[in-house]
Amino acid sequence: MSATIAWVQGFLFLLHPKRLLALVGGILGGVLYVWFAAVRAVPGVKRRKAAFRERRRTRERREP
Protein backbone atom coordinates (compact mmCIF):
# COMPACT_ATOMS: atom_id res chain seq x y z
CA MET A 1 0.00 0.00 0.00
CA SER A 2 1.46 3.33 -0.97
CA ALA A 3 1.79 6.22 1.46
CA THR A 4 -0.81 8.25 -0.46
CA ILE A 5 -3.45 5.54 -0.23
CA ALA A 6 -2.77 5.06 3.49
CA TRP A 7 -3.15 8.82 4.07
CA VAL A 8 -6.43 8.93 2.16
CA GLN A 9 -7.78 5.95 4.09
CA GLY A 10 -6.75 7.61 7.36
CA PHE A 11 -8.47 10.83 6.32
CA LEU A 12 -11.62 9.01 5.24
CA PHE A 13 -11.69 7.28 8.63
CA LEU A 14 -12.32 10.72 10.22
CA LEU A 15 -15.07 11.63 7.76
CA HIS A 16 -17.47 9.04 9.13
CA PRO A 17 -20.46 11.06 10.45
CA LYS A 18 -20.42 9.61 13.98
CA ARG A 19 -16.67 10.08 14.36
CA LEU A 20 -16.83 13.59 12.94
CA LEU A 21 -19.68 14.49 15.31
CA ALA A 22 -17.79 13.01 18.25
CA LEU A 23 -14.66 14.95 17.32
CA VAL A 24 -16.52 18.26 16.97
CA GLY A 25 -18.46 17.58 20.18
CA GLY A 26 -15.27 16.77 22.07
CA ILE A 27 -13.53 19.92 20.91
CA LEU A 28 -16.58 22.06 21.69
CA GLY A 29 -16.96 20.43 25.11
CA GLY A 30 -13.29 21.04 25.93
CA VAL A 31 -13.48 24.69 24.92
CA LEU A 32 -16.68 25.22 26.94
CA TYR A 33 -15.14 23.51 29.98
CA VAL A 34 -12.09 25.78 29.91
CA TRP A 35 -14.25 28.87 29.33
CA PHE A 36 -16.59 28.06 32.24
CA ALA A 37 -13.64 27.32 34.53
CA ALA A 38 -12.07 30.67 33.63
CA VAL A 39 -15.32 32.59 34.11
CA ARG A 40 -15.97 30.95 37.48
CA ALA A 41 -12.45 31.79 38.69
CA VAL A 42 -12.68 35.51 37.89
CA PRO A 43 -14.25 36.71 41.21
CA GLY A 44 -11.67 34.84 43.28
CA VAL A 45 -8.81 36.15 41.19
CA LYS A 46 -10.08 39.72 41.55
CA ARG A 47 -10.38 39.29 45.35
CA ARG A 48 -6.85 37.88 45.63
CA LYS A 49 -5.40 40.69 43.52
CA ALA A 50 -7.21 43.35 45.56
CA ALA A 51 -6.01 41.78 48.83
CA PHE A 52 -2.45 41.64 47.51
CA ARG A 53 -2.54 45.30 46.44
CA GLU A 54 -3.93 46.32 49.85
CA ARG A 55 -1.23 44.34 51.72
CA ARG A 56 1.44 45.83 49.52
CA ARG A 57 0.13 49.35 49.99
CA THR A 58 -0.04 49.07 53.79
CA ARG A 59 3.18 47.12 54.46
CA GLU A 60 5.87 48.50 56.70
CA ARG A 61 8.73 50.02 54.81
CA ARG A 62 12.30 50.29 55.93
CA GLU A 63 13.81 53.73 55.99
CA PRO A 64 17.06 53.97 54.01
PDB file of N, CA and C in Angstrom:
ATOM      1  N   MET A   1       0.865  -1.178   0.000  1.00  0.00           N
ATOM      2  CA  MET A   1       0.000   0.000   0.000  1.00  0.00           C
ATOM      3  C   MET A   1       0.906   1.234   0.000  1.00  0.00           C
ATOM      4  N   SER A   2       0.616   2.136  -0.888  1.00  0.00           N
ATOM      5  CA  SER A   2       1.464   3.327  -0.972  1.00  0.00           C
ATOM      6  C   SER A   2       1.111   4.301   0.149  1.00  0.00           C
ATOM      7  N   ALA A   3       1.992   5.243   0.391  1.00  0.00           N
ATOM      8  CA  ALA A   3       1.790   6.224   1.457  1.00  0.00           C
ATOM      9  C   ALA A   3       0.570   7.099   1.167  1.00  0.00           C
ATOM     10  N   THR A   4       0.325   7.399  -0.092  1.00  0.00           N
ATOM     11  CA  THR A   4      -0.813   8.252  -0.459  1.00  0.00           C
ATOM     12  C   THR A   4      -2.130   7.557  -0.156  1.00  0.00           C
ATOM     13  N   ILE A   5      -2.210   6.294  -0.493  1.00  0.00           N
ATOM     14  CA  ILE A   5      -3.451   5.543  -0.229  1.00  0.00           C
ATOM     15  C   ILE A   5      -3.678   5.430   1.273  1.00  0.00           C
ATOM     16  N   ALA A   6      -2.628   5.169   2.040  1.00  0.00           N
ATOM     17  CA  ALA A   6      -2.768   5.063   3.492  1.00  0.00           C
ATOM     18  C   ALA A   6      -3.242   6.385   4.072  1.00  0.00           C
ATOM     19  N   TRP A   7      -2.732   7.509   3.573  1.00  0.00           N
ATOM     20  CA  TRP A   7      -3.146   8.820   4.074  1.00  0.00           C
ATOM     21  C   TRP A   7      -4.613   9.076   3.761  1.00  0.00           C
ATOM     22  N   VAL A   8      -5.030   8.730   2.553  1.00  0.00           N
ATOM     23  CA  VAL A   8      -6.428   8.934   2.156  1.00  0.00           C
ATOM     24  C   VAL A   8      -7.341   8.061   3.010  1.00  0.00           C
ATOM     25  N   GLN A   9      -6.957   6.832   3.252  1.00  0.00           N
ATOM     26  CA  GLN A   9      -7.776   5.954   4.092  1.00  0.00           C
ATOM     27  C   GLN A   9      -7.850   6.498   5.517  1.00  0.00           C
ATOM     28  N   GLY A  10      -6.745   7.023   6.023  1.00  0.00           N
ATOM     29  CA  GLY A  10      -6.748   7.614   7.356  1.00  0.00           C
ATOM     30  C   GLY A  10      -7.634   8.838   7.423  1.00  0.00           C
ATOM     31  N   PHE A  11      -7.622   9.640   6.376  1.00  0.00           N
ATOM     32  CA  PHE A  11      -8.466  10.831   6.322  1.00  0.00           C
ATOM     33  C   PHE A  11      -9.939  10.447   6.211  1.00  0.00           C
ATOM     34  N   LEU A  12     -10.239   9.446   5.397  1.00  0.00           N
ATOM     35  CA  LEU A  12     -11.625   9.010   5.240  1.00  0.00           C
ATOM     36  C   LEU A  12     -12.175   8.404   6.529  1.00  0.00           C
ATOM     37  N   PHE A  13     -11.282   7.834   7.336  1.00  0.00           N
ATOM     38  CA  PHE A  13     -11.690   7.284   8.631  1.00  0.00           C
ATOM     39  C   PHE A  13     -12.324   8.375   9.495  1.00  0.00           C
ATOM     40  N   LEU A  14     -11.793   9.605   9.421  1.00  0.00           N
ATOM     41  CA  LEU A  14     -12.323  10.717  10.222  1.00  0.00           C
ATOM     42  C   LEU A  14     -13.617  11.283   9.655  1.00  0.00           C
ATOM     43  N   LEU A  15     -13.888  11.040   8.382  1.00  0.00           N
ATOM     44  CA  LEU A  15     -15.069  11.631   7.760  1.00  0.00           C
ATOM     45  C   LEU A  15     -16.354  10.866   8.045  1.00  0.00           C
ATOM     46  N   HIS A  16     -16.259   9.776   8.760  1.00  0.00           N
ATOM     47  CA  HIS A  16     -17.467   9.041   9.134  1.00  0.00           C
ATOM     48  C   HIS A  16     -18.323   9.963  10.005  1.00  0.00           C
ATOM     49  N   PRO A  17     -19.620  10.071   9.738  1.00  0.00           N
ATOM     50  CA  PRO A  17     -20.459  11.062  10.451  1.00  0.00           C
ATOM     51  C   PRO A  17     -20.411  10.952  11.971  1.00  0.00           C
ATOM     52  N   LYS A  18     -20.442   9.752  12.511  1.00  0.00           N
ATOM     53  CA  LYS A  18     -20.417   9.610  13.977  1.00  0.00           C
ATOM     54  C   LYS A  18     -19.076  10.054  14.541  1.00  0.00           C
ATOM     55  N   ARG A  19     -17.996   9.686  13.871  1.00  0.00           N
ATOM     56  CA  ARG A  19     -16.672  10.078  14.358  1.00  0.00           C
ATOM     57  C   ARG A  19     -16.479  11.583  14.241  1.00  0.00           C
ATOM     58  N   LEU A  20     -16.950  12.147  13.132  1.00  0.00           N
ATOM     59  CA  LEU A  20     -16.831  13.588  12.940  1.00  0.00           C
ATOM     60  C   LEU A  20     -17.639  14.336  13.994  1.00  0.00           C
ATOM     61  N   LEU A  21     -18.843  13.868  14.278  1.00  0.00           N
ATOM     62  CA  LEU A  21     -19.682  14.486  15.306  1.00  0.00           C
ATOM     63  C   LEU A  21     -19.038  14.358  16.685  1.00  0.00           C
ATOM     64  N   ALA A  22     -18.461  13.202  16.961  1.00  0.00           N
ATOM     65  CA  ALA A  22     -17.788  13.005  18.249  1.00  0.00           C
ATOM     66  C   ALA A  22     -16.574  13.922  18.374  1.00  0.00           C
ATOM     67  N   LEU A  23     -15.833  14.082  17.293  1.00  0.00           N
ATOM     68  CA  LEU A  23     -14.662  14.953  17.316  1.00  0.00           C
ATOM     69  C   LEU A  23     -15.066  16.408  17.544  1.00  0.00           C
ATOM     70  N   VAL A  24     -16.050  16.878  16.811  1.00  0.00           N
ATOM     71  CA  VAL A  24     -16.518  18.259  16.972  1.00  0.00           C
ATOM     72  C   VAL A  24     -17.100  18.453  18.370  1.00  0.00           C
ATOM     73  N   GLY A  25     -17.882  17.490  18.840  1.00  0.00           N
ATOM     74  CA  GLY A  25     -18.457  17.579  20.185  1.00  0.00           C
ATOM     75  C   GLY A  25     -17.392  17.597  21.267  1.00  0.00           C
ATOM     76  N   GLY A  26     -16.361  16.797  21.097  1.00  0.00           N
ATOM     77  CA  GLY A  26     -15.268  16.773  22.071  1.00  0.00           C
ATOM     78  C   GLY A  26     -14.512  18.084  22.122  1.00  0.00           C
ATOM     79  N   ILE A  27     -14.239  18.642  20.955  1.00  0.00           N
ATOM     80  CA  ILE A  27     -13.529  19.922  20.908  1.00  0.00           C
ATOM     81  C   ILE A  27     -14.393  21.024  21.514  1.00  0.00           C
ATOM     82  N   LEU A  28     -15.666  21.058  21.145  1.00  0.00           N
ATOM     83  CA  LEU A  28     -16.577  22.063  21.693  1.00  0.00           C
ATOM     84  C   LEU A  28     -16.729  21.902  23.208  1.00  0.00           C
ATOM     85  N   GLY A  29     -16.855  20.674  23.669  1.00  0.00           N
ATOM     86  CA  GLY A  29     -16.956  20.428  25.105  1.00  0.00           C
ATOM     87  C   GLY A  29     -15.714  20.873  25.857  1.00  0.00           C
ATOM     88  N   GLY A  30     -14.543  20.612  25.287  1.00  0.00           N
ATOM     89  CA  GLY A  30     -13.294  21.042  25.929  1.00  0.00           C
ATOM     90  C   GLY A  30     -13.183  22.553  26.010  1.00  0.00           C
ATOM     91  N   VAL A  31     -13.541  23.226  24.925  1.00  0.00           N
ATOM     92  CA  VAL A  31     -13.485  24.688  24.923  1.00  0.00           C
ATOM     93  C   VAL A  31     -14.472  25.264  25.933  1.00  0.00           C
ATOM     94  N   LEU A  32     -15.681  24.728  25.976  1.00  0.00           N
ATOM     95  CA  LEU A  32     -16.676  25.219  26.939  1.00  0.00           C
ATOM     96  C   LEU A  32     -16.238  24.967  28.377  1.00  0.00           C
ATOM     97  N   TYR A  33     -15.615  23.821  28.633  1.00  0.00           N
ATOM     98  CA  TYR A  33     -15.144  23.508  29.977  1.00  0.00           C
ATOM     99  C   TYR A  33     -14.098  24.530  30.427  1.00  0.00           C
ATOM    100  N   VAL A  34     -13.138  24.809  29.566  1.00  0.00           N
ATOM    101  CA  VAL A  34     -12.093  25.778  29.914  1.00  0.00           C
ATOM    102  C   VAL A  34     -12.695  27.160  30.094  1.00  0.00           C
ATOM    103  N   TRP A  35     -13.638  27.546  29.236  1.00  0.00           N
ATOM    104  CA  TRP A  35     -14.248  28.866  29.331  1.00  0.00           C
ATOM    105  C   TRP A  35     -15.031  29.004  30.641  1.00  0.00           C
ATOM    106  N   PHE A  36     -15.836  28.000  30.985  1.00  0.00           N
ATOM    107  CA  PHE A  36     -16.591  28.059  32.240  1.00  0.00           C
ATOM    108  C   PHE A  36     -15.666  28.094  33.441  1.00  0.00           C
ATOM    109  N   ALA A  37     -14.591  27.315  33.411  1.00  0.00           N
ATOM    110  CA  ALA A  37     -13.640  27.318  34.527  1.00  0.00           C
ATOM    111  C   ALA A  37     -13.006  28.701  34.682  1.00  0.00           C
ATOM    112  N   ALA A  38     -12.673  29.344  33.569  1.00  0.00           N
ATOM    113  CA  ALA A  38     -12.069  30.674  33.632  1.00  0.00           C
ATOM    114  C   ALA A  38     -13.072  31.702  34.149  1.00  0.00           C
ATOM    115  N   VAL A  39     -14.303  31.624  33.684  1.00  0.00           N
ATOM    116  CA  VAL A  39     -15.320  32.589  34.110  1.00  0.00           C
ATOM    117  C   VAL A  39     -15.629  32.427  35.596  1.00  0.00           C
ATOM    118  N   ARG A  40     -15.679  31.179  36.058  1.00  0.00           N
ATOM    119  CA  ARG A  40     -15.972  30.951  37.477  1.00  0.00           C
ATOM    120  C   ARG A  40     -14.831  31.412  38.368  1.00  0.00           C
ATOM    121  N   ALA A  41     -13.610  31.421  37.867  1.00  0.00           N
ATOM    122  CA  ALA A  41     -12.451  31.789  38.685  1.00  0.00           C
ATOM    123  C   ALA A  41     -12.274  33.296  38.795  1.00  0.00           C
ATOM    124  N   VAL A  42     -12.916  34.069  37.943  1.00  0.00           N
ATOM    125  CA  VAL A  42     -12.681  35.514  37.894  1.00  0.00           C
ATOM    126  C   VAL A  42     -12.922  36.210  39.239  1.00  0.00           C
ATOM    127  N   PRO A  43     -14.050  35.990  39.931  1.00  0.00           N
ATOM    128  CA  PRO A  43     -14.251  36.711  41.207  1.00  0.00           C
ATOM    129  C   PRO A  43     -13.154  36.421  42.232  1.00  0.00           C
ATOM    130  N   GLY A  44     -12.730  35.177  42.334  1.00  0.00           N
ATOM    131  CA  GLY A  44     -11.666  34.835  43.280  1.00  0.00           C
ATOM    132  C   GLY A  44     -10.348  35.486  42.924  1.00  0.00           C
ATOM    133  N   VAL A  45     -10.052  35.533  41.642  1.00  0.00           N
ATOM    134  CA  VAL A  45      -8.809  36.154  41.190  1.00  0.00           C
ATOM    135  C   VAL A  45      -8.836  37.644  41.510  1.00  0.00           C
ATOM    136  N   LYS A  46      -9.962  38.290  41.259  1.00  0.00           N
ATOM    137  CA  LYS A  46     -10.075  39.718  41.550  1.00  0.00           C
ATOM    138  C   LYS A  46      -9.919  39.985  43.048  1.00  0.00           C
ATOM    139  N   ARG A  47     -10.518  39.123  43.885  1.00  0.00           N
ATOM    140  CA  ARG A  47     -10.379  39.286  45.347  1.00  0.00           C
ATOM    141  C   ARG A  47      -8.936  39.131  45.775  1.00  0.00           C
ATOM    142  N   ARG A  48      -8.248  38.103  45.251  1.00  0.00           N
ATOM    143  CA  ARG A  48      -6.853  37.884  45.631  1.00  0.00           C
ATOM    144  C   ARG A  48      -5.968  39.041  45.192  1.00  0.00           C
ATOM    145  N   LYS A  49      -6.205  39.558  44.000  1.00  0.00           N
ATOM    146  CA  LYS A  49      -5.405  40.691  43.523  1.00  0.00           C
ATOM    147  C   LYS A  49      -5.648  41.928  44.376  1.00  0.00           C
ATOM    148  N   ALA A  50      -6.907  42.181  44.729  1.00  0.00           N
ATOM    149  CA  ALA A  50      -7.214  43.348  45.556  1.00  0.00           C
ATOM    150  C   ALA A  50      -6.576  43.207  46.939  1.00  0.00           C
ATOM    151  N   ALA A  51      -6.626  42.001  47.516  1.00  0.00           N
ATOM    152  CA  ALA A  51      -6.011  41.776  48.827  1.00  0.00           C
ATOM    153  C   ALA A  51      -4.495  41.962  48.745  1.00  0.00           C
ATOM    154  N   PHE A  52      -3.890  41.477  47.674  1.00  0.00           N
ATOM    155  CA  PHE A  52      -2.446  41.637  47.510  1.00  0.00           C
ATOM    156  C   PHE A  52      -2.078  43.114  47.386  1.00  0.00           C
ATOM    157  N   ARG A  53      -2.829  43.864  46.597  1.00  0.00           N
ATOM    158  CA  ARG A  53      -2.539  45.297  46.443  1.00  0.00           C
ATOM    159  C   ARG A  53      -2.693  46.035  47.773  1.00  0.00           C
ATOM    160  N   GLU A  54      -3.709  45.664  48.543  1.00  0.00           N
ATOM    161  CA  GLU A  54      -3.927  46.316  49.846  1.00  0.00           C
ATOM    162  C   GLU A  54      -2.788  45.986  50.802  1.00  0.00           C
ATOM    163  N   ARG A  55      -2.362  44.711  50.856  1.00  0.00           N
ATOM    164  CA  ARG A  55      -1.234  44.336  51.718  1.00  0.00           C
ATOM    165  C   ARG A  55       0.027  45.062  51.295  1.00  0.00           C
ATOM    166  N   ARG A  56       0.237  45.164  50.016  1.00  0.00           N
ATOM    167  CA  ARG A  56       1.443  45.828  49.523  1.00  0.00           C
ATOM    168  C   ARG A  56       1.417  47.320  49.835  1.00  0.00           C
ATOM    169  N   ARG A  57       0.251  47.915  49.730  1.00  0.00           N
ATOM    170  CA  ARG A  57       0.126  49.352  49.987  1.00  0.00           C
ATOM    171  C   ARG A  57       0.336  49.676  51.470  1.00  0.00           C
ATOM    172  N   THR A  58      -0.082  48.783  52.359  1.00  0.00           N
ATOM    173  CA  THR A  58      -0.041  49.066  53.790  1.00  0.00           C
ATOM    174  C   THR A  58       1.140  48.410  54.521  1.00  0.00           C
ATOM    175  N   ARG A  59       2.064  47.812  53.784  1.00  0.00           N
ATOM    176  CA  ARG A  59       3.180  47.123  54.460  1.00  0.00           C
ATOM    177  C   ARG A  59       4.141  48.139  55.080  1.00  0.00           C
ATOM    178  N   GLU A  60       4.863  47.644  56.066  1.00  0.00           N
ATOM    179  CA  GLU A  60       5.873  48.499  56.697  1.00  0.00           C
ATOM    180  C   GLU A  60       7.057  48.601  55.775  1.00  0.00           C
ATOM    181  N   ARG A  61       7.578  49.793  55.696  1.00  0.00           N
ATOM    182  CA  ARG A  61       8.729  50.016  54.812  1.00  0.00           C
ATOM    183  C   ARG A  61       9.930  50.416  55.657  1.00  0.00           C
ATOM    184  N   ARG A  62      11.063  49.929  55.242  1.00  0.00           N
ATOM    185  CA  ARG A  62      12.296  50.291  55.935  1.00  0.00           C
ATOM    186  C   ARG A  62      12.768  51.640  55.439  1.00  0.00           C
ATOM    187  N   GLU A  63      13.256  52.423  56.361  1.00  0.00           N
ATOM    188  CA  GLU A  63      13.811  53.732  55.992  1.00  0.00           C
ATOM    189  C   GLU A  63      15.246  53.548  55.559  1.00  0.00           C
ATOM    190  N   PRO A  64      15.658  54.135  54.458  1.00  0.00           N
ATOM    191  CA  PRO A  64      17.063  53.972  54.014  1.00  0.00           C
ATOM    192  C   PRO A  64      18.034  54.758  54.870  1.00  0.00           C
TER     193      PRO A  64
END
